[in-house]
Amino acid sequence: MKKNTHVTWGLSIKPREEIKKHTHLAGLLSLGVLLIAGQPAFGVSLGLVDDFPADVLGWAEGGGSPTPPTWIAAGGPDGTSHLQNNSDGRGSGGKMVMWNDAQWTGDYLVAGVTRINLFADNRSGSGQVIDLRLAFNGPGGWFVTPAAPIVDTLFGVDEWQFLTFDLSAAGLTHVTGGSGSYAATMGGVTRMEMISENGVSFSTGLSSNVLQGDAIIAELHVDKIAAVPEPASAIIAILGVLSASLRVKRRRTCFRFGSGSC
């Protein structure tokens, strides 16, 4: 069985409405993003989406972990492939944390990426809460988002949730390392982590290169991790695309019927 929910200040949307809504918006947004972003650069860029079509896309844990991120062929929010990560509560694979040192690095400020959207599902099967956060490391040190608690409330039933993480200066908190400068880190991200951290303590390992998470027995599934602009920029870009499309359609109609008023 599968259940999809959109959790935003207690709002719940039915599964089909949810997937249809976000798929439609993603299509419009991707067109708008092309107008904003221009030519893609190495690392993060507007419109970047990890939807895991064939592999884990560079998401990893520390060497020797018995529970590294795993590609799953089906069962995502739209029934397709996605990413799974487990933690066993002990040893090298005991903490719920994974990171990316490739496509999610770079200059978020120049790229105009102010939010990251994703789908997440807690399938721990034990009532274990995953306090999901995104964390970013760079010259300014580690900055993290507030936790988005994901509870496995319906054992045996997939409960995909749509989450939005604010990457603005107001939405991120410096927790350790570096100069403490938001601009320094978000202008030169060297690592992005996805981590369960209840906020009691932000401990680091490997000379502060890794923000460690909660030692819990848990199973996290994620999909469609997307870099998006602030809503106002996205709306302006979408309106621009729609306006251009209407102009082209009108010109084609005028050409077809030979109207002199076009």
C-alpha atoms as a PDB file:
ATOM      1  CA  MET A   1       0.000   0.000   0.000  1.00  0.00           C
ATOM      2  CA  LYS A   2       1.098   3.555  -0.613  1.00  0.00           C
ATOM      3  CA  LYS A   3       0.056   6.875   0.820  1.00  0.00           C
ATOM      4  CA  ASN A   4       1.409  10.266  -0.253  1.00  0.00           C
ATOM      5  CA  THR A   5       0.978  13.360   1.872  1.00  0.00           C
ATOM      6  CA  HIS A   6       1.999  16.967   1.531  1.00  0.00           C
ATOM      7  CA  VAL A   7       2.941  18.315   4.933  1.00  0.00           C
ATOM      8  CA  THR A   8       2.947  22.098   5.106  1.00  0.00           C
ATOM      9  CA  TRP A   9       1.596  23.558   8.337  1.00  0.00           C
ATOM     10  CA  GLY A  10      -0.819  20.642   8.734  1.00  0.00           C
ATOM     11  CA  LEU A  11      -2.134  20.687   5.160  1.00  0.00           C
ATOM     12  CA  SER A  12      -2.843  17.228   3.733  1.00  0.00           C
ATOM     13  CA  ILE A  13      -3.453  16.601   0.034  1.00  0.00           C
ATOM     14  CA  LYS A  14      -4.724  13.349  -1.463  1.00  0.00           C
ATOM     15  CA  PRO A  15      -2.130  11.164  -3.256  1.00  0.00           C
ATOM     16  CA  ARG A  16      -3.231  11.690  -6.859  1.00  0.00           C
ATOM     17  CA  GLU A  17      -3.723  15.405  -6.354  1.00  0.00           C
ATOM     18  CA  GLU A  18      -0.287  15.682  -4.778  1.00  0.00           C
ATOM     19  CA  ILE A  19       1.674  13.925  -7.503  1.00  0.00           C
ATOM     20  CA  LYS A  20      -0.272  15.637 -10.300  1.00  0.00           C
ATOM     21  CA  LYS A  21       0.169  19.045  -8.676  1.00  0.00           C
ATOM     22  CA  HIS A  22       3.912  18.817  -8.165  1.00  0.00           C
ATOM     23  CA  THR A  23       4.566  17.154 -11.522  1.00  0.00           C
ATOM     24  CA  HIS A  24       2.712  19.966 -13.316  1.00  0.00           C
ATOM     25  CA  LEU A  25       4.466  22.682 -11.327  1.00  0.00           C
ATOM     26  CA  ALA A  26       7.839  21.041 -11.896  1.00  0.00           C
ATOM     27  CA  GLY A  27       7.271  21.123 -15.644  1.00  0.00           C
ATOM     28  CA  LEU A  28       6.457  24.833 -15.631  1.00  0.00           C
ATOM     29  CA  LEU A  29       9.233  25.608 -13.190  1.00  0.00           C
ATOM     30  CA  SER A  30      11.855  23.819 -15.259  1.00  0.00           C
ATOM     31  CA  LEU A  31      11.003  26.045 -18.214  1.00  0.00           C
ATOM     32  CA  GLY A  32      11.188  29.146 -16.052  1.00  0.00           C
ATOM     33  CA  VAL A  33      14.455  28.010 -14.528  1.00  0.00           C
ATOM     34  CA  LEU A  34      16.068  27.853 -17.962  1.00  0.00           C
ATOM     35  CA  LEU A  35      15.333  31.547 -18.392  1.00  0.00           C
ATOM     36  CA  ILE A  36      16.780  32.408 -14.986  1.00  0.00           C
ATOM     37  CA  ALA A  37      19.830  30.167 -14.955  1.00  0.00           C
ATOM     38  CA  GLY A  38      21.152  30.443 -18.507  1.00  0.00           C
ATOM     39  CA  GLN A  39      24.000  28.055 -19.230  1.00  0.00           C
ATOM     40  CA  PRO A  40      24.533  25.355 -16.585  1.00  0.00           C
ATOM     41  CA  ALA A  41      27.776  25.358 -14.588  1.00  0.00           C
ATOM     42  CA  PHE A  42      29.631  22.683 -12.641  1.00  0.00           C
ATOM     43  CA  GLY A  43      27.948  21.874  -9.368  1.00  0.00           C
ATOM     44  CA  VAL A  44      24.602  23.181  -8.213  1.00  0.00           C
ATOM     45  CA  SER A  45      22.301  25.007 -10.620  1.00  0.00           C
ATOM     46  CA  LEU A  46      18.638  25.910 -10.796  1.00  0.00           C
ATOM     47  CA  GLY A  47      16.591  23.015 -12.098  1.00  0.00           C
ATOM     48  CA  LEU A  48      18.962  20.362 -10.737  1.00  0.00           C
ATOM     49  CA  VAL A  49      16.912  17.311  -9.714  1.00  0.00           C
ATOM     50  CA  ASP A  50      18.139  14.020  -8.284  1.00  0.00           C
ATOM     51  CA  ASP A  51      15.421  11.547  -9.284  1.00  0.00           C
ATOM     52  CA  PHE A  52      17.688   8.487  -9.273  1.00  0.00           C
ATOM     53  CA  PRO A  53      16.888   6.906 -12.650  1.00  0.00           C
ATOM     54  CA  ALA A  54      19.635   4.272 -12.459  1.00  0.00           C
ATOM     55  CA  ASP A  55      21.997   4.766  -9.482  1.00  0.00           C
ATOM     56  CA  VAL A  56      22.651   6.698  -6.247  1.00  0.00           C
ATOM     57  CA  LEU A  57      23.994   9.777  -8.102  1.00  0.00           C
ATOM     58  CA  GLY A  58      27.021  10.252  -5.865  1.00  0.00           C
ATOM     59  CA  TRP A  59      25.267  10.075  -2.472  1.00  0.00           C
ATOM     60  CA  ALA A  60      27.551   8.287  -0.001  1.00  0.00           C
ATOM     61  CA  GLU A  61      28.516   7.535   3.587  1.00  0.00           C
ATOM     62  CA  GLY A  62      31.916   7.049   5.190  1.00  0.00           C
ATOM     63  CA  GLY A  63      34.126   4.207   4.065  1.00  0.00           C
ATOM     64  CA  GLY A  64      33.357   0.922   5.753  1.00  0.00           C
ATOM     65  CA  SER A  65      29.709   1.696   6.465  1.00  0.00           C
ATOM     66  CA  PRO A  66      27.629  -1.487   6.192  1.00  0.00           C
ATOM     67  CA  THR A  67      24.540   0.581   5.311  1.00  0.00           C
ATOM     68  CA  PRO A  68      25.471   2.897   2.409  1.00  0.00           C
ATOM     69  CA  PRO A  69      22.829   4.662   0.295  1.00  0.00           C
ATOM     70  CA  THR A  70      21.109   2.181  -2.020  1.00  0.00           C
ATOM     71  CA  TRP A  71      19.283   2.573  -5.328  1.00  0.00           C
ATOM     72  CA  ILE A  72      15.742   1.167  -5.247  1.00  0.00           C
ATOM     73  CA  ALA A  73      14.089   0.330  -8.576  1.00  0.00           C
ATOM     74  CA  ALA A  74      10.465   1.097  -7.616  1.00  0.00           C
ATOM     75  CA  GLY A  75       8.191   2.401  -4.887  1.00  0.00           C
ATOM     76  CA  GLY A  76       8.931   6.123  -5.151  1.00  0.00           C
ATOM     77  CA  PRO A  77       6.223   8.794  -4.740  1.00  0.00           C
ATOM     78  CA  ASP A  78       5.248   8.221  -8.390  1.00  0.00           C
ATOM     79  CA  GLY A  79       6.009   4.491  -8.274  1.00  0.00           C
ATOM     80  CA  THR A  80       9.456   4.770  -9.874  1.00  0.00           C
ATOM     81  CA  SER A  81      13.047   4.466  -8.614  1.00  0.00           C
ATOM     82  CA  HIS A  82      14.417   6.379  -5.612  1.00  0.00           C
ATOM     83  CA  LEU A  83      17.139   6.357  -2.918  1.00  0.00           C
ATOM     84  CA  GLN A  84      17.177   4.465   0.380  1.00  0.00           C
ATOM     85  CA  ASN A  85      19.476   4.971   3.379  1.00  0.00           C
ATOM     86  CA  ASN A  86      19.577   2.927   6.581  1.00  0.00           C
ATOM     87  CA  SER A  87      21.233   3.344   9.962  1.00  0.00           C
ATOM     88  CA  ASP A  88      21.637   0.561  12.487  1.00  0.00           C
ATOM     89  CA  GLY A  89      22.329   2.625  15.615  1.00  0.00           C
ATOM     90  CA  ARG A  90      25.886   1.431  16.139  1.00  0.00           C
ATOM     91  CA  GLY A  91      29.365   1.557  14.615  1.00  0.00           C
ATOM     92  CA  SER A  92      30.230   3.112  11.270  1.00  0.00           C
ATOM     93  CA  GLY A  93      26.713   2.727   9.928  1.00  0.00           C
ATOM     94  CA  GLY A  94      24.951   3.713  13.118  1.00  0.00           C
ATOM     95  CA  LYS A  95      23.963   7.273  12.284  1.00  0.00           C
ATOM     96  CA  MET A  96      21.396   8.514   9.788  1.00  0.00           C
ATOM     97  CA  VAL A  97      23.590  10.671   7.563  1.00  0.00           C
ATOM     98  CA  MET A  98      24.620  10.694   3.907  1.00  0.00           C
ATOM     99  CA  TRP A  99      26.337  13.297   1.777  1.00  0.00           C
ATOM    100  CA  ASN A 100      27.074  14.499  -1.721  1.00  0.00           C
ATOM    101  CA  ASP A 101      30.371  16.054  -2.833  1.00  0.00           C
ATOM    102  CA  ALA A 102      29.516  16.442  -6.510  1.00  0.00           C
ATOM    103  CA  GLN A 103      26.423  18.023  -8.082  1.00  0.00           C
ATOM    104  CA  TRP A 104      25.259  19.653  -4.833  1.00  0.00           C
ATOM    105  CA  THR A 105      28.468  21.632  -4.287  1.00  0.00           C
ATOM    106  CA  GLY A 106      29.278  25.104  -5.605  1.00  0.00           C
ATOM    107  CA  ASP A 107      27.903  28.641  -5.377  1.00  0.00           C
ATOM    108  CA  TYR A 108      24.260  28.610  -4.308  1.00  0.00           C
ATOM    109  CA  LEU A 109      24.127  32.403  -4.174  1.00  0.00           C
ATOM    110  CA  VAL A 110      25.163  32.961  -7.792  1.00  0.00           C
ATOM    111  CA  ALA A 111      23.004  30.037  -8.934  1.00  0.00           C
ATOM    112  CA  GLY A 112      19.990  31.599  -7.211  1.00  0.00           C
ATOM    113  CA  VAL A 113      19.088  28.408  -5.346  1.00  0.00           C
ATOM    114  CA  THR A 114      17.159  29.514  -2.267  1.00  0.00           C
ATOM    115  CA  ARG A 115      15.207  26.335  -1.512  1.00  0.00           C
ATOM    116  CA  ILE A 116      15.527  22.587  -1.865  1.00  0.00           C
ATOM    117  CA  ASN A 117      12.388  20.505  -2.294  1.00  0.00           C
ATOM    118  CA  LEU A 118      12.259  16.736  -1.881  1.00  0.00           C
ATOM    119  CA  PHE A 119      10.024  13.781  -1.137  1.00  0.00           C
ATOM    120  CA  ALA A 120      10.861  11.725   1.967  1.00  0.00           C
ATOM    121  CA  ASP A 121       9.426   8.599   3.555  1.00  0.00           C
ATOM    122  CA  ASN A 122      10.226   7.108   6.961  1.00  0.00           C
ATOM    123  CA  ARG A 123       9.891   3.315   6.740  1.00  0.00           C
ATOM    124  CA  SER A 124      11.591   2.437  10.031  1.00  0.00           C
ATOM    125  CA  GLY A 125       8.542   0.444  11.114  1.00  0.00           C
ATOM    126  CA  SER A 126       9.087   1.119  14.806  1.00  0.00           C
ATOM    127  CA  GLY A 127       7.713   4.602  15.417  1.00  0.00           C
ATOM    128  CA  GLN A 128      11.241   5.984  15.146  1.00  0.00           C
ATOM    129  CA  VAL A 129      11.278   9.705  14.308  1.00  0.00           C
ATOM    130  CA  ILE A 130      13.721  10.943  11.669  1.00  0.00           C
ATOM    131  CA  ASP A 131      14.534  14.618  12.337  1.00  0.00           C
ATOM    132  CA  LEU A 132      15.567  15.359   8.770  1.00  0.00           C
ATOM    133  CA  ARG A 133      17.819  18.330   8.092  1.00  0.00           C
ATOM    134  CA  LEU A 134      19.987  19.533   5.242  1.00  0.00           C
ATOM    135  CA  ALA A 135      23.500  20.646   6.155  1.00  0.00           C
ATOM    136  CA  PHE A 136      26.077  22.563   4.113  1.00  0.00           C
ATOM    137  CA  ASN A 137      29.826  22.838   4.662  1.00  0.00           C
ATOM    138  CA  GLY A 138      32.117  25.486   3.232  1.00  0.00           C
ATOM    139  CA  PRO A 139      34.641  28.168   4.236  1.00  0.00           C
ATOM    140  CA  GLY A 140      32.131  29.619   6.702  1.00  0.00           C
ATOM    141  CA  GLY A 141      31.671  26.271   8.459  1.00  0.00           C
ATOM    142  CA  TRP A 142      28.602  24.065   8.827  1.00  0.00           C
ATOM    143  CA  PHE A 143      25.136  25.561   8.355  1.00  0.00           C
ATOM    144  CA  VAL A 144      21.966  23.514   8.903  1.00  0.00           C
ATOM    145  CA  THR A 145      18.234  23.846   8.334  1.00  0.00           C
ATOM    146  CA  PRO A 146      15.641  23.330  11.063  1.00  0.00           C
ATOM    147  CA  ALA A 147      14.555  19.712  11.506  1.00  0.00           C
ATOM    148  CA  ALA A 148      11.588  18.319   9.599  1.00  0.00           C
ATOM    149  CA  PRO A 149      10.340  15.472  11.839  1.00  0.00           C
ATOM    150  CA  ILE A 150       9.173  12.472   9.818  1.00  0.00           C
ATOM    151  CA  VAL A 151       7.213   9.871  11.794  1.00  0.00           C
ATOM    152  CA  ASP A 152       6.419   6.354  10.622  1.00  0.00           C
ATOM    153  CA  THR A 153       2.815   6.448  11.775  1.00  0.00           C
ATOM    154  CA  LEU A 154       1.310   3.769   9.526  1.00  0.00           C
ATOM    155  CA  PHE A 155       3.408   0.627   9.773  1.00  0.00           C
ATOM    156  CA  GLY A 156       3.590  -1.203   6.448  1.00  0.00           C
ATOM    157  CA  VAL A 157       2.209   1.765   4.482  1.00  0.00           C
ATOM    158  CA  ASP A 158       4.386   4.097   2.432  1.00  0.00           C
ATOM    159  CA  GLU A 159       3.903   7.686   3.595  1.00  0.00           C
ATOM    160  CA  TRP A 160       5.706   9.986   1.175  1.00  0.00           C
ATOM    161  CA  GLN A 161       5.887  13.574   2.346  1.00  0.00           C
ATOM    162  CA  PHE A 162       6.773  16.639   0.274  1.00  0.00           C
ATOM    163  CA  LEU A 163       9.258  18.856   2.147  1.00  0.00           C
ATOM    164  CA  THR A 164      10.685  22.311   1.443  1.00  0.00           C
ATOM    165  CA  PHE A 165      13.916  23.546   3.046  1.00  0.00           C
ATOM    166  CA  ASP A 166      14.666  27.279   3.188  1.00  0.00           C
ATOM    167  CA  LEU A 167      18.304  28.045   2.314  1.00  0.00           C
ATOM    168  CA  SER A 168      18.169  31.773   2.997  1.00  0.00           C
ATOM    169  CA  ALA A 169      20.304  33.377   5.715  1.00  0.00           C
ATOM    170  CA  ALA A 170      17.227  33.331   7.944  1.00  0.00           C
ATOM    171  CA  GLY A 171      16.619  29.653   7.226  1.00  0.00           C
ATOM    172  CA  LEU A 172      20.080  28.324   8.061  1.00  0.00           C
ATOM    173  CA  THR A 173      21.967  28.223  11.371  1.00  0.00           C
ATOM    174  CA  HIS A 174      25.749  28.084  11.811  1.00  0.00           C
ATOM    175  CA  VAL A 175      26.602  25.190  14.141  1.00  0.00           C
ATOM    176  CA  THR A 176      30.349  24.597  13.912  1.00  0.00           C
ATOM    177  CA  GLY A 177      33.621  25.361  12.134  1.00  0.00           C
ATOM    178  CA  GLY A 178      34.833  28.004   9.726  1.00  0.00           C
ATOM    179  CA  SER A 179      34.341  31.750   9.968  1.00  0.00           C
ATOM    180  CA  GLY A 180      30.621  31.575  10.682  1.00  0.00           C
ATOM    181  CA  SER A 181      29.872  33.482   7.478  1.00  0.00           C
ATOM    182  CA  TYR A 182      26.705  32.419   5.675  1.00  0.00           C
ATOM    183  CA  ALA A 183      27.909  34.005   2.425  1.00  0.00           C
ATOM    184  CA  ALA A 184      31.247  32.200   2.605  1.00  0.00           C
ATOM    185  CA  THR A 185      29.668  28.768   2.958  1.00  0.00           C
ATOM    186  CA  MET A 186      26.718  29.157   0.587  1.00  0.00           C
ATOM    187  CA  GLY A 187      28.998  30.837  -1.955  1.00  0.00           C
ATOM    188  CA  GLY A 188      31.363  27.863  -1.881  1.00  0.00           C
ATOM    189  CA  VAL A 189      29.634  24.705  -0.648  1.00  0.00           C
ATOM    190  CA  THR A 190      32.007  21.747  -0.556  1.00  0.00           C
ATOM    191  CA  ARG A 191      29.565  19.204   0.843  1.00  0.00           C
ATOM    192  CA  MET A 192      25.814  18.834   1.305  1.00  0.00           C
ATOM    193  CA  GLU A 193      24.549  16.391   3.892  1.00  0.00           C
ATOM    194  CA  MET A 194      21.153  14.885   4.566  1.00  0.00           C
ATOM    195  CA  ILE A 195      21.050  14.122   8.251  1.00  0.00           C
ATOM    196  CA  SER A 196      18.775  13.142  11.125  1.00  0.00           C
ATOM    197  CA  GLU A 197      19.708  15.414  14.026  1.00  0.00           C
ATOM    198  CA  ASN A 198      17.455  16.146  16.995  1.00  0.00           C
ATOM    199  CA  GLY A 199      19.415  19.287  17.814  1.00  0.00           C
ATOM    200  CA  VAL A 200      20.664  18.201  21.237  1.00  0.00           C
ATOM    201  CA  SER A 201      24.267  18.337  20.014  1.00  0.00           C
ATOM    202  CA  PHE A 202      25.912  18.841  16.651  1.00  0.00           C
ATOM    203  CA  SER A 203      29.000  16.654  16.807  1.00  0.00           C
ATOM    204  CA  THR A 204      31.546  16.438  14.012  1.00  0.00           C
ATOM    205  CA  GLY A 205      34.017  13.856  12.841  1.00  0.00           C
ATOM    206  CA  LEU A 206      36.888  13.539  10.381  1.00  0.00           C
ATOM    207  CA  SER A 207      38.392  16.923  11.338  1.00  0.00           C
ATOM    208  CA  SER A 208      34.989  18.650  11.149  1.00  0.00           C
ATOM    209  CA  ASN A 209      34.433  17.529   7.549  1.00  0.00           C
ATOM    210  CA  VAL A 210      31.383  15.507   8.557  1.00  0.00           C
ATOM    211  CA  LEU A 211      28.444  16.643  10.647  1.00  0.00           C
ATOM    212  CA  GLN A 212      27.393  13.531  12.532  1.00  0.00           C
ATOM    213  CA  GLY A 213      23.757  12.668  13.151  1.00  0.00           C
ATOM    214  CA  ASP A 214      21.586  10.713  15.535  1.00  0.00           C
ATOM    215  CA  ALA A 215      22.530   7.108  16.277  1.00  0.00           C
ATOM    216  CA  ILE A 216      19.173   5.523  15.460  1.00  0.00           C
ATOM    217  CA  ILE A 217      17.778   2.391  13.870  1.00  0.00           C
ATOM    218  CA  ALA A 218      15.932   3.839  10.911  1.00  0.00           C
ATOM    219  CA  GLU A 219      15.124   3.512   7.214  1.00  0.00           C
ATOM    220  CA  LEU A 220      14.824   6.667   5.101  1.00  0.00           C
ATOM    221  CA  HIS A 221      13.647   6.855   1.481  1.00  0.00           C
ATOM    222  CA  VAL A 222      14.094  10.048  -0.574  1.00  0.00           C
ATOM    223  CA  ASP A 223      13.342  11.113  -4.137  1.00  0.00           C
ATOM    224  CA  LYS A 224      13.198  14.116  -6.460  1.00  0.00           C
ATOM    225  CA  ILE A 225      15.657  16.340  -4.595  1.00  0.00           C
ATOM    226  CA  ALA A 226      15.283  19.634  -6.458  1.00  0.00           C
ATOM    227  CA  ALA A 227      17.103  22.991  -6.454  1.00  0.00           C
ATOM    228  CA  VAL A 228      14.565  25.782  -6.848  1.00  0.00           C
ATOM    229  CA  PRO A 229      14.544  29.605  -6.704  1.00  0.00           C
ATOM    230  CA  GLU A 230      12.487  31.779  -4.400  1.00  0.00           C
ATOM    231  CA  PRO A 231       8.778  31.620  -5.289  1.00  0.00           C
ATOM    232  CA  ALA A 232       8.668  35.168  -6.675  1.00  0.00           C
ATOM    233  CA  SER A 233      11.459  34.500  -9.165  1.00  0.00           C
ATOM    234  CA  ALA A 234       9.861  31.233 -10.219  1.00  0.00           C
ATOM    235  CA  ILE A 235       6.480  32.865 -10.800  1.00  0.00           C
ATOM    236  CA  ILE A 236       8.011  35.666 -12.869  1.00  0.00           C
ATOM    237  CA  ALA A 237       9.921  33.142 -14.976  1.00  0.00           C
ATOM    238  CA  ILE A 238       6.848  30.951 -15.486  1.00  0.00           C
ATOM    239  CA  LEU A 239       4.755  33.949 -16.499  1.00  0.00           C
ATOM    240  CA  GLY A 240       7.469  34.896 -18.975  1.00  0.00           C
ATOM    241  CA  VAL A 241       7.390  31.428 -20.524  1.00  0.00           C
ATOM    242  CA  LEU A 242       3.594  31.441 -20.751  1.00  0.00           C
ATOM    243  CA  SER A 243       3.588  34.923 -22.271  1.00  0.00           C
ATOM    244  CA  ALA A 244       6.142  33.921 -24.896  1.00  0.00           C
ATOM    245  CA  SER A 245       4.145  30.784 -25.685  1.00  0.00           C
ATOM    246  CA  LEU A 246       0.953  32.806 -26.204  1.00  0.00           C
ATOM    247  CA  ARG A 247       2.764  35.238 -28.516  1.00  0.00           C
ATOM    248  CA  VAL A 248       4.086  32.400 -30.649  1.00  0.00           C
ATOM    249  CA  LYS A 249       0.629  30.789 -30.819  1.00  0.00           C
ATOM    250  CA  ARG A 250      -0.946  34.090 -31.835  1.00  0.00           C
ATOM    251  CA  ARG A 251       1.610  34.631 -34.595  1.00  0.00           C
ATOM    252  CA  ARG A 252       0.971  31.145 -35.963  1.00  0.00           C
ATOM    253  CA  THR A 253      -2.785  31.802 -35.961  1.00  0.00           C
ATOM    254  CA  CYS A 254      -2.317  35.120 -37.738  1.00  0.00           C
ATOM    255  CA  PHE A 255      -0.080  33.564 -40.355  1.00  0.00           C
ATOM    256  CA  ARG A 256      -2.584  30.781 -40.959  1.00  0.00           C
ATOM    257  CA  PHE A 257      -5.608  33.018 -41.449  1.00  0.00           C
ATOM    258  CA  GLY A 258      -3.774  36.022 -42.895  1.00  0.00           C
ATOM    259  CA  SER A 259      -5.172  38.541 -40.413  1.00  0.00           C
ATOM    260  CA  GLY A 260      -3.867  42.000 -41.032  1.00  0.00           C
ATOM    261  CA  SER A 261      -4.473  43.070 -37.425  1.00  0.00           C
ATOM    262  CA  CYS A 262      -1.783  40.771 -35.968  1.00  0.00           C
END
